[in-house]
Amino acid sequence: MIRILFDSRCKRWLFVWLLLGCLLFQQIAWLWSDFSWHGLAGMALASLIYAIAMQCFFAVTFDRNAAVRVQQTLTLPLALPVARDMVLAELQARYGRRVRVQGDSHFEVRTACSFKSWGEYLSVDLAEAGVVATRVYLCSRPWLRLTLIDWGKNRDNVKSMVRVLAQRGKSGL
């Protein structure tokens, strides 16, 4: 049971933040009372119990929705210039002027802030995989490095791009 609560770096960081937050909150209340070692020990014990209870509550949420870098590779049956134009058109249709073109085969997008996240970086790299084939490498990661839970936004970004590019690649558009 304890291993499940602390098996990832995100879960360990959440526990530290919960413990520090609870200690800080109790420290403010403790400043208005008289100092005693019993009060200090009780405050530390209550903070530890609260942090462990919250960690148990959020462990399942972390397993489903932890903010991770999502990567996927897709091979399109199109020549590189055609695939480049198709990917650029799709990115511009979705994200507008936020698309940054870097070189001939690298695109970056910073998605907008939403209720679920502070935004993500979506990068698309293209490479030739043959005469009439192009390998598309998609990567989505949180914009804010301290993001602990992204509610599946990175996974959704990559899945939706893969789905649209695969459909358009099959139809040859």
Protein backbone atom coordinates (compact mmCIF):
# COMPACT_ATOMS: atom_id res chain seq x y z
CA MET A 1 0.00 0.00 0.00
CA ILE A 2 2.76 2.46 0.94
CA ARG A 3 4.64 1.69 -2.30
CA ILE A 4 1.59 2.71 -4.38
CA LEU A 5 1.45 6.08 -2.61
CA PHE A 6 5.04 7.05 -3.41
CA ASP A 7 5.94 5.09 -6.58
CA SER A 8 6.51 8.14 -8.79
CA ARG A 9 8.32 11.43 -8.51
CA CYS A 10 5.04 13.36 -8.93
CA LYS A 11 3.48 11.53 -6.01
CA ARG A 12 6.50 12.20 -3.82
CA TRP A 13 6.44 15.91 -4.73
CA LEU A 14 2.72 16.10 -3.98
CA PHE A 15 3.34 14.62 -0.53
CA VAL A 16 6.10 17.15 0.16
CA TRP A 17 3.87 20.05 -0.96
CA LEU A 18 0.96 18.80 1.13
CA LEU A 19 3.17 18.39 4.19
CA LEU A 20 4.79 21.81 3.80
CA GLY A 21 1.44 23.50 3.16
CA CYS A 22 -0.13 21.96 6.23
CA LEU A 23 2.90 22.80 8.36
CA LEU A 24 2.82 26.40 7.14
CA PHE A 25 -0.89 26.72 7.85
CA GLN A 26 -0.48 25.31 11.36
CA GLN A 27 2.62 27.43 11.90
CA ILE A 28 0.56 30.58 11.35
CA ALA A 29 -1.98 29.41 13.93
CA TRP A 30 0.84 28.33 16.28
CA LEU A 31 2.42 31.79 16.24
CA TRP A 32 -0.62 33.17 18.08
CA SER A 33 -0.30 30.68 20.93
CA ASP A 34 2.31 30.13 23.62
CA PHE A 35 5.32 28.02 22.67
CA SER A 36 5.45 24.46 23.91
CA TRP A 37 7.25 21.39 22.65
CA HIS A 38 4.02 19.41 22.95
CA GLY A 39 2.27 21.88 20.67
CA LEU A 40 5.11 21.66 18.14
CA ALA A 41 5.09 17.85 18.17
CA GLY A 42 1.29 17.78 17.86
CA MET A 43 1.44 20.19 14.93
CA ALA A 44 4.04 18.05 13.13
CA LEU A 45 2.08 14.84 13.79
CA ALA A 46 -1.22 16.35 12.62
CA SER A 47 0.49 17.65 9.46
CA LEU A 48 1.97 14.24 8.72
CA ILE A 49 -1.38 12.48 9.21
CA TYR A 50 -3.15 15.02 6.99
CA ALA A 51 -0.52 14.70 4.23
CA ILE A 52 -0.70 10.88 4.26
CA ALA A 53 -4.54 10.97 4.16
CA MET A 54 -4.51 13.36 1.20
CA GLN A 55 -1.85 11.24 -0.52
CA CYS A 56 -4.12 8.18 -0.17
CA PHE A 57 -7.02 10.18 -1.58
CA PHE A 58 -5.07 11.48 -4.60
CA ALA A 59 -3.05 8.33 -5.43
CA VAL A 60 -5.69 6.99 -7.82
CA THR A 61 -6.05 10.40 -9.47
CA PHE A 62 -2.31 10.48 -10.09
CA ASP A 63 -2.30 7.06 -11.68
CA ARG A 64 -4.91 8.17 -14.24
CA ASN A 65 -4.10 11.84 -14.74
CA ALA A 66 -0.46 12.46 -13.90
CA ALA A 67 1.19 15.03 -16.11
CA VAL A 68 3.55 13.15 -18.36
CA ARG A 69 5.25 13.76 -21.64
CA VAL A 70 3.28 11.88 -24.29
CA GLN A 71 5.10 10.82 -27.45
CA GLN A 72 3.95 8.92 -30.49
CA THR A 73 5.28 8.17 -33.95
CA LEU A 74 3.14 7.85 -37.05
CA THR A 75 4.14 6.94 -40.61
CA LEU A 76 2.20 8.63 -43.38
CA PRO A 77 2.15 7.28 -46.96
CA LEU A 78 2.99 10.72 -48.35
CA ALA A 79 6.14 12.40 -49.61
CA LEU A 80 7.82 14.76 -47.15
CA PRO A 81 6.79 18.06 -48.84
CA VAL A 82 3.13 16.98 -49.07
CA ALA A 83 3.12 15.74 -45.47
CA ARG A 84 4.79 18.98 -44.32
CA ASP A 85 2.09 21.09 -45.96
CA MET A 86 -0.67 18.88 -44.54
CA VAL A 87 0.73 19.00 -40.98
CA LEU A 88 1.24 22.75 -41.13
CA ALA A 89 -2.30 23.30 -42.45
CA GLU A 90 -3.77 21.13 -39.67
CA LEU A 91 -1.77 22.87 -36.95
CA GLN A 92 -2.75 26.31 -38.26
CA ALA A 93 -6.40 25.26 -38.47
CA ARG A 94 -6.32 24.12 -34.83
CA TYR A 95 -4.01 26.64 -33.18
CA GLY A 96 -3.84 29.62 -35.55
CA ARG A 97 -0.92 32.00 -35.13
CA ARG A 98 0.54 30.11 -32.18
CA VAL A 99 2.29 27.70 -34.57
CA ARG A 100 6.04 28.28 -34.79
CA VAL A 101 7.84 26.82 -37.79
CA GLN A 102 11.46 25.97 -37.08
CA GLY A 103 13.28 24.72 -40.13
CA ASP A 104 11.68 22.58 -42.81
CA SER A 105 10.44 19.78 -40.63
CA HIS A 106 9.91 20.98 -37.06
CA PHE A 107 6.80 22.72 -35.70
CA GLU A 108 6.02 23.87 -32.16
CA VAL A 109 2.76 25.02 -30.64
CA ARG A 110 1.93 26.32 -27.20
CA THR A 111 -1.69 25.48 -26.52
CA ALA A 112 -3.98 27.84 -24.66
CA CYS A 113 -4.62 27.74 -20.95
CA SER A 114 -7.83 25.93 -20.03
CA PHE A 115 -9.73 24.75 -16.99
CA LYS A 116 -7.77 21.49 -17.09
CA SER A 117 -4.23 22.83 -17.56
CA TRP A 118 -1.97 25.84 -17.84
CA GLY A 119 -1.24 24.89 -21.43
CA GLU A 120 1.03 22.45 -23.20
CA TYR A 121 3.86 22.44 -25.69
CA LEU A 122 3.10 20.31 -28.73
CA SER A 123 6.01 19.61 -31.05
CA VAL A 124 5.86 17.86 -34.42
CA ASP A 125 8.95 16.57 -36.21
CA LEU A 126 8.91 15.17 -39.74
CA ALA A 127 11.47 12.84 -41.31
CA GLU A 128 11.63 10.89 -44.54
CA ALA A 129 10.90 7.19 -44.07
CA GLY A 130 11.27 6.31 -47.75
CA VAL A 131 10.53 7.78 -51.15
CA VAL A 132 6.80 8.17 -50.55
CA ALA A 133 6.60 7.85 -46.76
CA THR A 134 7.06 10.34 -43.95
CA ARG A 135 7.57 9.62 -40.27
CA VAL A 136 5.75 12.07 -37.98
CA TYR A 137 6.97 12.31 -34.39
CA LEU A 138 4.51 14.01 -31.99
CA CYS A 139 5.34 15.07 -28.45
CA SER A 140 3.16 16.93 -25.95
CA ARG A 141 4.31 18.05 -22.51
CA PRO A 142 3.00 20.47 -19.88
CA TRP A 143 3.93 24.14 -20.31
CA LEU A 144 4.47 24.59 -16.58
CA ARG A 145 7.12 22.20 -15.29
CA LEU A 146 5.56 22.05 -11.82
CA THR A 147 2.32 20.62 -13.24
CA LEU A 148 1.40 17.48 -11.33
CA ILE A 149 -1.95 16.63 -12.93
CA ASP A 150 -2.88 17.49 -16.51
CA TRP A 151 -6.20 15.58 -16.61
CA GLY A 152 -5.14 13.80 -19.82
CA LYS A 153 -4.63 16.94 -21.93
CA ASN A 154 -1.23 15.81 -23.30
CA ARG A 155 -2.63 12.41 -24.23
CA ASP A 156 -5.65 14.07 -25.90
CA ASN A 157 -3.43 16.46 -27.90
CA VAL A 158 -1.38 13.61 -29.34
CA LYS A 159 -4.34 11.26 -29.94
CA SER A 160 -6.37 13.86 -31.79
CA MET A 161 -3.44 14.86 -34.01
CA VAL A 162 -2.63 11.21 -34.79
CA ARG A 163 -6.26 10.49 -35.63
CA VAL A 164 -6.61 13.48 -37.97
CA LEU A 165 -3.23 12.97 -39.66
CA ALA A 166 -3.90 9.25 -40.19
CA GLN A 167 -7.30 9.99 -41.75
CA ARG A 168 -5.93 12.71 -43.99
CA GLY A 169 -2.91 10.57 -44.88
CA LYS A 170 -5.12 7.67 -46.00
CA SER A 171 -7.26 9.93 -48.15
CA GLY A 172 -4.11 11.49 -49.65
CA LEU A 173 -5.02 15.10 -48.84
